[in-house]
Amino acid sequence: MRIALSQLTSVPDPRRNLDTVREQTLLAAEGGARVVVFPEATMACFGIPLAPLAEPLDGPWATEVRRIARQADVVVVAGMFTPAPDGRVTNTLLATGPGVEESYDKIHLYDAFGFAESSTVLAGNKIVTIDVDDVRLGLATCYDVRFPELFRAHADAGATVSLLPASWGAGPGKRDQWELLVRARALDATVWVVAVGQADPTAGGAGPAAGGSAPTGIGYSAVVGPDGRIREQLGAEPGLLLTDIDAAEVAEVRRKVSVLANRRL
């Protein structure tokens, strides 16, 4: 399966971000991608009020993403914000395209490093997988990567790939943590991890990130094999990476290192 990783820098205007989604999806489709993965907060960057721009899954932003996916004949996974019943929003991944219509609400909220996502975002509680061309893919978002149980749950549900859109917070050691964690989650669950982050706004020429401690991205999106090795990776700036995933490699690794079968807890 060919998967495209679109590492971009979201801006506060959802309409401008849709233009980027359209452009990147069509480029990925021309390159033979079956799935195009965009970062967390593709709809709009963190560091701005989220409730005024949140839309339901049948709203205009998600509807246009569906149209783009249909036009390109690919599955698109992109981060957006949907209204929550208590006045907050949910941090949602929309997965849409031929034979796929699903959404995942981020379970683990980023209340760390001076940022309190839970003050404006309501946590989800449902594990979600999608099937594309007989390959099952689990959905996770950013801070979820610090919780191995979710990725093992993907594997238990039959997934051989975990998709991880993110908007990783910058700071000392944060790139090291990002790379360590995505590799560890691949090893924990013996799955491919396709980790797609927001680009570093300064590297992409967008200027300093807004919102103080808001996580606006560092780049370094990565494709990690089920053996924990980084197979391909982008830098800090925006970019589009097309990668070929061999789902059969998961079974081979699991025969050698049966961590799922050997679990006692």
C-alpha atoms as a PDB file:
ATOM      1  CA  MET A   1       0.000   0.000   0.000  1.00  0.00           C
ATOM      2  CA  ARG A   2       1.306   3.422  -0.921  1.00  0.00           C
ATOM      3  CA  ILE A   3       0.642   6.050   1.765  1.00  0.00           C
ATOM      4  CA  ALA A   4       1.365   9.759   1.430  1.00  0.00           C
ATOM      5  CA  LEU A   5       2.496  11.828   4.425  1.00  0.00           C
ATOM      6  CA  SER A   6       1.613  15.493   3.938  1.00  0.00           C
ATOM      7  CA  GLN A   7       3.624  17.581   6.385  1.00  0.00           C
ATOM      8  CA  LEU A   8       2.186  21.086   6.260  1.00  0.00           C
ATOM      9  CA  THR A   9       1.813  24.216   8.380  1.00  0.00           C
ATOM     10  CA  SER A  10      -1.809  25.003   9.168  1.00  0.00           C
ATOM     11  CA  VAL A  11      -2.925  28.623   9.358  1.00  0.00           C
ATOM     12  CA  PRO A  12      -5.872  30.000  11.364  1.00  0.00           C
ATOM     13  CA  ASP A  13      -8.151  30.127   8.289  1.00  0.00           C
ATOM     14  CA  PRO A  14      -9.811  26.744   7.559  1.00  0.00           C
ATOM     15  CA  ARG A  15     -10.531  27.738   3.948  1.00  0.00           C
ATOM     16  CA  ARG A  16      -6.860  28.336   3.202  1.00  0.00           C
ATOM     17  CA  ASN A  17      -6.004  24.991   4.765  1.00  0.00           C
ATOM     18  CA  LEU A  18      -8.560  23.307   2.499  1.00  0.00           C
ATOM     19  CA  ASP A  19      -6.672  24.678  -0.493  1.00  0.00           C
ATOM     20  CA  THR A  20      -3.539  22.959   0.796  1.00  0.00           C
ATOM     21  CA  VAL A  21      -5.416  19.706   1.411  1.00  0.00           C
ATOM     22  CA  ARG A  22      -6.736  19.801  -2.158  1.00  0.00           C
ATOM     23  CA  GLU A  23      -3.337  20.484  -3.686  1.00  0.00           C
ATOM     24  CA  GLN A  24      -1.510  17.864  -1.626  1.00  0.00           C
ATOM     25  CA  THR A  25      -4.176  15.189  -2.128  1.00  0.00           C
ATOM     26  CA  LEU A  26      -4.095  15.551  -5.896  1.00  0.00           C
ATOM     27  CA  LEU A  27      -0.286  15.401  -5.912  1.00  0.00           C
ATOM     28  CA  ALA A  28      -0.351  12.286  -3.734  1.00  0.00           C
ATOM     29  CA  ALA A  29      -2.943  10.621  -5.969  1.00  0.00           C
ATOM     30  CA  GLU A  30      -0.812  11.367  -9.029  1.00  0.00           C
ATOM     31  CA  GLY A  31       2.014   9.575  -7.225  1.00  0.00           C
ATOM     32  CA  GLY A  32      -0.107   6.457  -6.718  1.00  0.00           C
ATOM     33  CA  ALA A  33      -1.064   6.924  -3.057  1.00  0.00           C
ATOM     34  CA  ARG A  34      -4.106   5.065  -1.757  1.00  0.00           C
ATOM     35  CA  VAL A  35      -4.146   6.912   1.578  1.00  0.00           C
ATOM     36  CA  VAL A  36      -3.140  10.541   2.237  1.00  0.00           C
ATOM     37  CA  VAL A  37      -2.468  11.421   5.863  1.00  0.00           C
ATOM     38  CA  PHE A  38      -2.482  15.025   7.042  1.00  0.00           C
ATOM     39  CA  PRO A  39      -1.494  16.291  10.506  1.00  0.00           C
ATOM     40  CA  GLU A  40      -3.559  16.941  13.585  1.00  0.00           C
ATOM     41  CA  ALA A  41      -5.189  20.389  13.410  1.00  0.00           C
ATOM     42  CA  THR A  42      -5.131  20.493   9.609  1.00  0.00           C
ATOM     43  CA  MET A  43      -8.388  22.464   9.769  1.00  0.00           C
ATOM     44  CA  ALA A  44      -6.760  25.261  11.794  1.00  0.00           C
ATOM     45  CA  CYS A  45      -3.635  25.612  13.885  1.00  0.00           C
ATOM     46  CA  PHE A  46      -3.518  25.531  17.656  1.00  0.00           C
ATOM     47  CA  GLY A  47      -3.016  28.827  19.502  1.00  0.00           C
ATOM     48  CA  ILE A  48      -6.321  30.381  18.393  1.00  0.00           C
ATOM     49  CA  PRO A  49      -9.879  30.039  19.809  1.00  0.00           C
ATOM     50  CA  LEU A  50     -11.155  26.709  18.516  1.00  0.00           C
ATOM     51  CA  ALA A  51     -14.858  26.757  19.420  1.00  0.00           C
ATOM     52  CA  PRO A  52     -15.828  29.505  16.917  1.00  0.00           C
ATOM     53  CA  LEU A  53     -14.430  27.527  13.983  1.00  0.00           C
ATOM     54  CA  ALA A  54     -15.439  23.990  14.991  1.00  0.00           C
ATOM     55  CA  GLU A  55     -17.866  22.306  12.593  1.00  0.00           C
ATOM     56  CA  PRO A  56     -19.809  19.032  12.703  1.00  0.00           C
ATOM     57  CA  LEU A  57     -18.768  16.120  10.534  1.00  0.00           C
ATOM     58  CA  ASP A  58     -21.503  17.017   8.044  1.00  0.00           C
ATOM     59  CA  GLY A  59     -20.415  20.666   7.953  1.00  0.00           C
ATOM     60  CA  PRO A  60     -18.826  22.477   5.013  1.00  0.00           C
ATOM     61  CA  TRP A  61     -15.174  21.800   5.896  1.00  0.00           C
ATOM     62  CA  ALA A  62     -15.553  18.027   6.217  1.00  0.00           C
ATOM     63  CA  THR A  63     -17.893  17.938   3.221  1.00  0.00           C
ATOM     64  CA  GLU A  64     -15.225  19.567   1.065  1.00  0.00           C
ATOM     65  CA  VAL A  65     -12.589  17.101   2.293  1.00  0.00           C
ATOM     66  CA  ARG A  66     -14.941  14.292   1.246  1.00  0.00           C
ATOM     67  CA  ARG A  67     -15.311  15.866  -2.182  1.00  0.00           C
ATOM     68  CA  ILE A  68     -11.526  16.141  -2.537  1.00  0.00           C
ATOM     69  CA  ALA A  69     -11.058  12.491  -1.538  1.00  0.00           C
ATOM     70  CA  ARG A  70     -13.745  11.387  -3.957  1.00  0.00           C
ATOM     71  CA  GLN A  71     -12.279  13.445  -6.794  1.00  0.00           C
ATOM     72  CA  ALA A  72      -8.802  11.986  -6.202  1.00  0.00           C
ATOM     73  CA  ASP A  73     -10.133   8.452  -5.517  1.00  0.00           C
ATOM     74  CA  VAL A  74      -8.069   8.135  -2.330  1.00  0.00           C
ATOM     75  CA  VAL A  75      -8.700   7.910   1.401  1.00  0.00           C
ATOM     76  CA  VAL A  76      -7.889  11.150   3.213  1.00  0.00           C
ATOM     77  CA  VAL A  77      -7.164  11.322   6.957  1.00  0.00           C
ATOM     78  CA  ALA A  78      -7.075  14.864   8.329  1.00  0.00           C
ATOM     79  CA  GLY A  79      -7.340  16.557  11.705  1.00  0.00           C
ATOM     80  CA  MET A  80     -10.244  18.909  12.408  1.00  0.00           C
ATOM     81  CA  PHE A  81     -12.272  20.242  15.340  1.00  0.00           C
ATOM     82  CA  THR A  82     -15.910  19.335  15.935  1.00  0.00           C
ATOM     83  CA  PRO A  83     -18.297  20.846  18.508  1.00  0.00           C
ATOM     84  CA  ALA A  84     -18.603  19.053  21.865  1.00  0.00           C
ATOM     85  CA  PRO A  85     -21.848  19.031  23.883  1.00  0.00           C
ATOM     86  CA  ASP A  86     -20.340  21.004  26.785  1.00  0.00           C
ATOM     87  CA  GLY A  87     -19.175  23.971  24.713  1.00  0.00           C
ATOM     88  CA  ARG A  88     -15.660  22.683  24.142  1.00  0.00           C
ATOM     89  CA  VAL A  89     -14.565  20.965  20.937  1.00  0.00           C
ATOM     90  CA  THR A  90     -13.357  17.485  20.102  1.00  0.00           C
ATOM     91  CA  ASN A  91      -9.997  16.982  18.405  1.00  0.00           C
ATOM     92  CA  THR A  92     -11.185  14.797  15.562  1.00  0.00           C
ATOM     93  CA  LEU A  93      -9.583  12.849  12.746  1.00  0.00           C
ATOM     94  CA  LEU A  94     -11.793  12.585   9.692  1.00  0.00           C
ATOM     95  CA  ALA A  95     -11.106   9.501   7.561  1.00  0.00           C
ATOM     96  CA  THR A  96     -12.980   9.557   4.279  1.00  0.00           C
ATOM     97  CA  GLY A  97     -12.725   8.181   0.762  1.00  0.00           C
ATOM     98  CA  PRO A  98     -13.745   5.163  -1.314  1.00  0.00           C
ATOM     99  CA  GLY A  99     -15.359   2.655   1.065  1.00  0.00           C
ATOM    100  CA  VAL A 100     -14.281   4.608   4.164  1.00  0.00           C
ATOM    101  CA  GLU A 101     -16.244   7.035   6.323  1.00  0.00           C
ATOM    102  CA  GLU A 102     -15.070   7.181   9.937  1.00  0.00           C
ATOM    103  CA  SER A 103     -13.871   9.590  12.600  1.00  0.00           C
ATOM    104  CA  TYR A 104     -11.671   9.327  15.678  1.00  0.00           C
ATOM    105  CA  ASP A 105     -11.779  11.690  18.659  1.00  0.00           C
ATOM    106  CA  LYS A 106      -8.423  12.071  20.397  1.00  0.00           C
ATOM    107  CA  ILE A 107      -8.455  10.089  23.639  1.00  0.00           C
ATOM    108  CA  HIS A 108      -5.379  11.427  25.447  1.00  0.00           C
ATOM    109  CA  LEU A 109      -5.332  15.211  25.725  1.00  0.00           C
ATOM    110  CA  TYR A 110      -2.144  17.259  25.822  1.00  0.00           C
ATOM    111  CA  ASP A 111      -2.114  18.565  29.392  1.00  0.00           C
ATOM    112  CA  ALA A 112       1.663  18.813  29.542  1.00  0.00           C
ATOM    113  CA  PHE A 113       4.602  21.156  29.002  1.00  0.00           C
ATOM    114  CA  GLY A 114       2.542  24.185  30.035  1.00  0.00           C
ATOM    115  CA  PHE A 115      -0.382  23.523  27.675  1.00  0.00           C
ATOM    116  CA  ALA A 116      -3.863  22.441  28.831  1.00  0.00           C
ATOM    117  CA  GLU A 117      -5.706  20.947  25.880  1.00  0.00           C
ATOM    118  CA  SER A 118      -8.489  19.666  28.128  1.00  0.00           C
ATOM    119  CA  SER A 119      -9.539  23.241  28.945  1.00  0.00           C
ATOM    120  CA  THR A 120     -10.944  23.582  25.426  1.00  0.00           C
ATOM    121  CA  VAL A 121     -11.130  19.993  24.143  1.00  0.00           C
ATOM    122  CA  LEU A 122     -13.297  17.068  25.277  1.00  0.00           C
ATOM    123  CA  ALA A 123     -11.550  13.670  25.226  1.00  0.00           C
ATOM    124  CA  GLY A 124     -12.801  10.827  23.080  1.00  0.00           C
ATOM    125  CA  ASN A 125     -13.235   7.260  24.318  1.00  0.00           C
ATOM    126  CA  LYS A 126     -13.479   5.021  21.250  1.00  0.00           C
ATOM    127  CA  ILE A 127     -10.751   3.006  19.509  1.00  0.00           C
ATOM    128  CA  VAL A 128     -11.124   3.353  15.736  1.00  0.00           C
ATOM    129  CA  THR A 129      -9.721   1.401  12.793  1.00  0.00           C
ATOM    130  CA  ILE A 130     -10.386   1.641   9.068  1.00  0.00           C
ATOM    131  CA  ASP A 131      -9.897  -0.851   6.236  1.00  0.00           C
ATOM    132  CA  VAL A 132      -8.296   0.150   2.939  1.00  0.00           C
ATOM    133  CA  ASP A 133      -7.492  -2.477   0.293  1.00  0.00           C
ATOM    134  CA  ASP A 134      -7.710  -5.274   2.891  1.00  0.00           C
ATOM    135  CA  VAL A 135      -5.220  -3.494   5.164  1.00  0.00           C
ATOM    136  CA  ARG A 136      -6.477  -2.409   8.586  1.00  0.00           C
ATOM    137  CA  LEU A 137      -5.200   0.914   9.919  1.00  0.00           C
ATOM    138  CA  GLY A 138      -5.612   2.242  13.450  1.00  0.00           C
ATOM    139  CA  LEU A 139      -6.121   5.937  14.163  1.00  0.00           C
ATOM    140  CA  ALA A 140      -4.317   7.900  16.882  1.00  0.00           C
ATOM    141  CA  THR A 141      -3.453  11.548  17.465  1.00  0.00           C
ATOM    142  CA  CYS A 142      -0.272  13.213  18.744  1.00  0.00           C
ATOM    143  CA  TYR A 143      -0.171  12.892  22.577  1.00  0.00           C
ATOM    144  CA  ASP A 144      -1.737   9.433  22.191  1.00  0.00           C
ATOM    145  CA  VAL A 145       1.778   8.284  21.234  1.00  0.00           C
ATOM    146  CA  ARG A 146       2.786   8.361  24.908  1.00  0.00           C
ATOM    147  CA  PHE A 147       0.244   5.615  25.710  1.00  0.00           C
ATOM    148  CA  PRO A 148       1.251   2.200  24.326  1.00  0.00           C
ATOM    149  CA  GLU A 149      -2.073   0.608  25.242  1.00  0.00           C
ATOM    150  CA  LEU A 150      -3.808   2.340  22.348  1.00  0.00           C
ATOM    151  CA  PHE A 151      -1.387   0.981  19.765  1.00  0.00           C
ATOM    152  CA  ARG A 152      -1.649  -2.514  21.214  1.00  0.00           C
ATOM    153  CA  ALA A 153      -5.427  -2.106  20.953  1.00  0.00           C
ATOM    154  CA  HIS A 154      -4.976  -1.333  17.257  1.00  0.00           C
ATOM    155  CA  ALA A 155      -3.015  -4.562  16.865  1.00  0.00           C
ATOM    156  CA  ASP A 156      -5.602  -6.523  18.848  1.00  0.00           C
ATOM    157  CA  ALA A 157      -8.260  -5.156  16.480  1.00  0.00           C
ATOM    158  CA  GLY A 158      -6.315  -6.522  13.517  1.00  0.00           C
ATOM    159  CA  ALA A 159      -4.434  -3.403  12.440  1.00  0.00           C
ATOM    160  CA  THR A 160      -1.005  -3.724  10.864  1.00  0.00           C
ATOM    161  CA  VAL A 161      -0.540   0.046  10.535  1.00  0.00           C
ATOM    162  CA  SER A 162      -1.167   2.875  13.021  1.00  0.00           C
ATOM    163  CA  LEU A 163      -1.678   6.346  11.538  1.00  0.00           C
ATOM    164  CA  LEU A 164      -0.542   9.129  13.877  1.00  0.00           C
ATOM    165  CA  PRO A 165      -1.354  12.695  12.803  1.00  0.00           C
ATOM    166  CA  ALA A 166       0.262  15.178  15.190  1.00  0.00           C
ATOM    167  CA  SER A 167       1.010  18.793  15.960  1.00  0.00           C
ATOM    168  CA  TRP A 168       4.014  18.214  18.186  1.00  0.00           C
ATOM    169  CA  GLY A 169       5.032  20.866  20.679  1.00  0.00           C
ATOM    170  CA  ALA A 170       8.475  22.378  20.262  1.00  0.00           C
ATOM    171  CA  GLY A 171      11.102  22.624  22.997  1.00  0.00           C
ATOM    172  CA  PRO A 172      14.367  21.152  24.258  1.00  0.00           C
ATOM    173  CA  GLY A 173      14.544  17.437  23.569  1.00  0.00           C
ATOM    174  CA  LYS A 174      11.138  17.293  21.917  1.00  0.00           C
ATOM    175  CA  ARG A 175      12.409  15.957  18.593  1.00  0.00           C
ATOM    176  CA  ASP A 176      14.284  13.200  20.430  1.00  0.00           C
ATOM    177  CA  GLN A 177      11.097  12.313  22.330  1.00  0.00           C
ATOM    178  CA  TRP A 178       9.048  12.281  19.124  1.00  0.00           C
ATOM    179  CA  GLU A 179      11.395   9.903  17.357  1.00  0.00           C
ATOM    180  CA  LEU A 180      11.826   7.688  20.413  1.00  0.00           C
ATOM    181  CA  LEU A 181       8.093   7.421  21.016  1.00  0.00           C
ATOM    182  CA  VAL A 182       7.037   6.623  17.453  1.00  0.00           C
ATOM    183  CA  ARG A 183       9.700   3.926  17.286  1.00  0.00           C
ATOM    184  CA  ALA A 184       8.691   2.525  20.675  1.00  0.00           C
ATOM    185  CA  ARG A 185       5.018   2.314  19.724  1.00  0.00           C
ATOM    186  CA  ALA A 186       5.914   0.382  16.589  1.00  0.00           C
ATOM    187  CA  LEU A 187       7.869  -2.080  18.722  1.00  0.00           C
ATOM    188  CA  ASP A 188       5.203  -2.311  21.446  1.00  0.00           C
ATOM    189  CA  ALA A 189       2.528  -3.389  18.997  1.00  0.00           C
ATOM    190  CA  THR A 190       4.679  -4.684  16.109  1.00  0.00           C
ATOM    191  CA  VAL A 191       2.854  -2.421  13.661  1.00  0.00           C
ATOM    192  CA  TRP A 192       3.918   0.113  11.092  1.00  0.00           C
ATOM    193  CA  VAL A 193       3.612   3.635  12.477  1.00  0.00           C
ATOM    194  CA  VAL A 194       2.996   6.417   9.984  1.00  0.00           C
ATOM    195  CA  ALA A 195       3.533   9.582  12.024  1.00  0.00           C
ATOM    196  CA  VAL A 196       2.598  12.815  10.248  1.00  0.00           C
ATOM    197  CA  GLY A 197       3.324  16.053  12.066  1.00  0.00           C
ATOM    198  CA  GLN A 198       2.802  19.721  11.409  1.00  0.00           C
ATOM    199  CA  ALA A 199       5.897  21.294   9.880  1.00  0.00           C
ATOM    200  CA  ASP A 200       7.954  23.724  11.937  1.00  0.00           C
ATOM    201  CA  PRO A 201       6.334  27.118  11.148  1.00  0.00           C
ATOM    202  CA  THR A 202       9.692  28.879  11.172  1.00  0.00           C
ATOM    203  CA  ALA A 203      11.298  26.332   8.838  1.00  0.00           C
ATOM    204  CA  GLY A 204       8.450  26.744   6.382  1.00  0.00           C
ATOM    205  CA  GLY A 205       8.763  30.524   6.283  1.00  0.00           C
ATOM    206  CA  ALA A 206       5.504  31.102   8.157  1.00  0.00           C
ATOM    207  CA  GLY A 207       7.242  33.086  10.878  1.00  0.00           C
ATOM    208  CA  PRO A 208       7.163  32.454  14.628  1.00  0.00           C
ATOM    209  CA  ALA A 209       4.446  30.119  15.879  1.00  0.00           C
ATOM    210  CA  ALA A 210       1.497  31.850  17.543  1.00  0.00           C
ATOM    211  CA  GLY A 211      -0.109  30.926  20.815  1.00  0.00           C
ATOM    212  CA  GLY A 212       2.783  30.744  23.274  1.00  0.00           C
ATOM    213  CA  SER A 213       2.946  27.137  24.450  1.00  0.00           C
ATOM    214  CA  ALA A 214       0.516  25.955  21.760  1.00  0.00           C
ATOM    215  CA  PRO A 215       1.844  22.866  19.916  1.00  0.00           C
ATOM    216  CA  THR A 216       2.269  24.085  16.346  1.00  0.00           C
ATOM    217  CA  GLY A 217       4.694  21.486  15.042  1.00  0.00           C
ATOM    218  CA  ILE A 218       8.344  20.585  14.633  1.00  0.00           C
ATOM    219  CA  GLY A 219       8.176  18.466  11.463  1.00  0.00           C
ATOM    220  CA  TYR A 220      10.157  15.208  11.169  1.00  0.00           C
ATOM    221  CA  SER A 221       7.219  13.084  10.074  1.00  0.00           C
ATOM    222  CA  ALA A 222       8.353   9.476   9.931  1.00  0.00           C
ATOM    223  CA  VAL A 223       7.544   6.020   8.626  1.00  0.00           C
ATOM    224  CA  VAL A 224       8.544   3.401  11.188  1.00  0.00           C
ATOM    225  CA  GLY A 225       8.584  -0.322  10.457  1.00  0.00           C
ATOM    226  CA  PRO A 226       7.206  -2.959  12.830  1.00  0.00           C
ATOM    227  CA  ASP A 227      10.803  -3.647  13.885  1.00  0.00           C
ATOM    228  CA  GLY A 228      11.106  -0.077  15.198  1.00  0.00           C
ATOM    229  CA  ARG A 229      13.420   1.217  12.473  1.00  0.00           C
ATOM    230  CA  ILE A 230      12.734   4.567  10.833  1.00  0.00           C
ATOM    231  CA  ARG A 231      12.438   3.747   7.141  1.00  0.00           C
ATOM    232  CA  GLU A 232      11.813   7.241   5.773  1.00  0.00           C
ATOM    233  CA  GLN A 233      11.576  10.704   7.284  1.00  0.00           C
ATOM    234  CA  LEU A 234      10.986  14.337   6.374  1.00  0.00           C
ATOM    235  CA  GLY A 235      12.850  17.319   7.812  1.00  0.00           C
ATOM    236  CA  ALA A 236      11.439  20.324   9.642  1.00  0.00           C
ATOM    237  CA  GLU A 237       9.985  22.111   6.600  1.00  0.00           C
ATOM    238  CA  PRO A 238       6.743  21.282   4.745  1.00  0.00           C
ATOM    239  CA  GLY A 239       6.917  18.310   2.403  1.00  0.00           C
ATOM    240  CA  LEU A 240       5.092  15.383   0.834  1.00  0.00           C
ATOM    241  CA  LEU A 241       6.490  11.878   1.329  1.00  0.00           C
ATOM    242  CA  LEU A 242       5.146   8.837  -0.511  1.00  0.00           C
ATOM    243  CA  THR A 243       6.006   5.526   1.089  1.00  0.00           C
ATOM    244  CA  ASP A 244       5.197   1.887   0.313  1.00  0.00           C
ATOM    245  CA  ILE A 245       4.010  -0.162   3.282  1.00  0.00           C
ATOM    246  CA  ASP A 246       4.358  -3.941   3.213  1.00  0.00           C
ATOM    247  CA  ALA A 247       1.696  -5.166   5.620  1.00  0.00           C
ATOM    248  CA  ALA A 248       3.051  -8.715   5.313  1.00  0.00           C
ATOM    249  CA  GLU A 249       6.206  -7.626   7.117  1.00  0.00           C
ATOM    250  CA  VAL A 250       4.173  -7.367  10.322  1.00  0.00           C
ATOM    251  CA  ALA A 251       3.535 -11.108  10.386  1.00  0.00           C
ATOM    252  CA  GLU A 252       7.234 -11.783   9.821  1.00  0.00           C
ATOM    253  CA  VAL A 253       8.276  -9.533  12.717  1.00  0.00           C
ATOM    254  CA  ARG A 254       5.638 -11.018  14.999  1.00  0.00           C
ATOM    255  CA  ARG A 255       6.964 -14.508  14.326  1.00  0.00           C
ATOM    256  CA  LYS A 256      10.412 -13.383  15.470  1.00  0.00           C
ATOM    257  CA  VAL A 257       9.345 -11.169  18.392  1.00  0.00           C
ATOM    258  CA  SER A 258       5.998 -12.328  19.769  1.00  0.00           C
ATOM    259  CA  VAL A 259       5.477  -9.491  22.249  1.00  0.00           C
ATOM    260  CA  LEU A 260       1.714  -9.490  21.743  1.00  0.00           C
ATOM    261  CA  ALA A 261       1.391 -13.233  22.226  1.00  0.00           C
ATOM    262  CA  ASN A 262       3.776 -13.171  25.207  1.00  0.00           C
ATOM    263  CA  ARG A 263       1.842 -10.543  27.181  1.00  0.00           C
ATOM    264  CA  ARG A 264       0.867 -11.478  30.710  1.00  0.00           C
ATOM    265  CA  LEU A 265      -0.984  -8.271  31.676  1.00  0.00           C
END
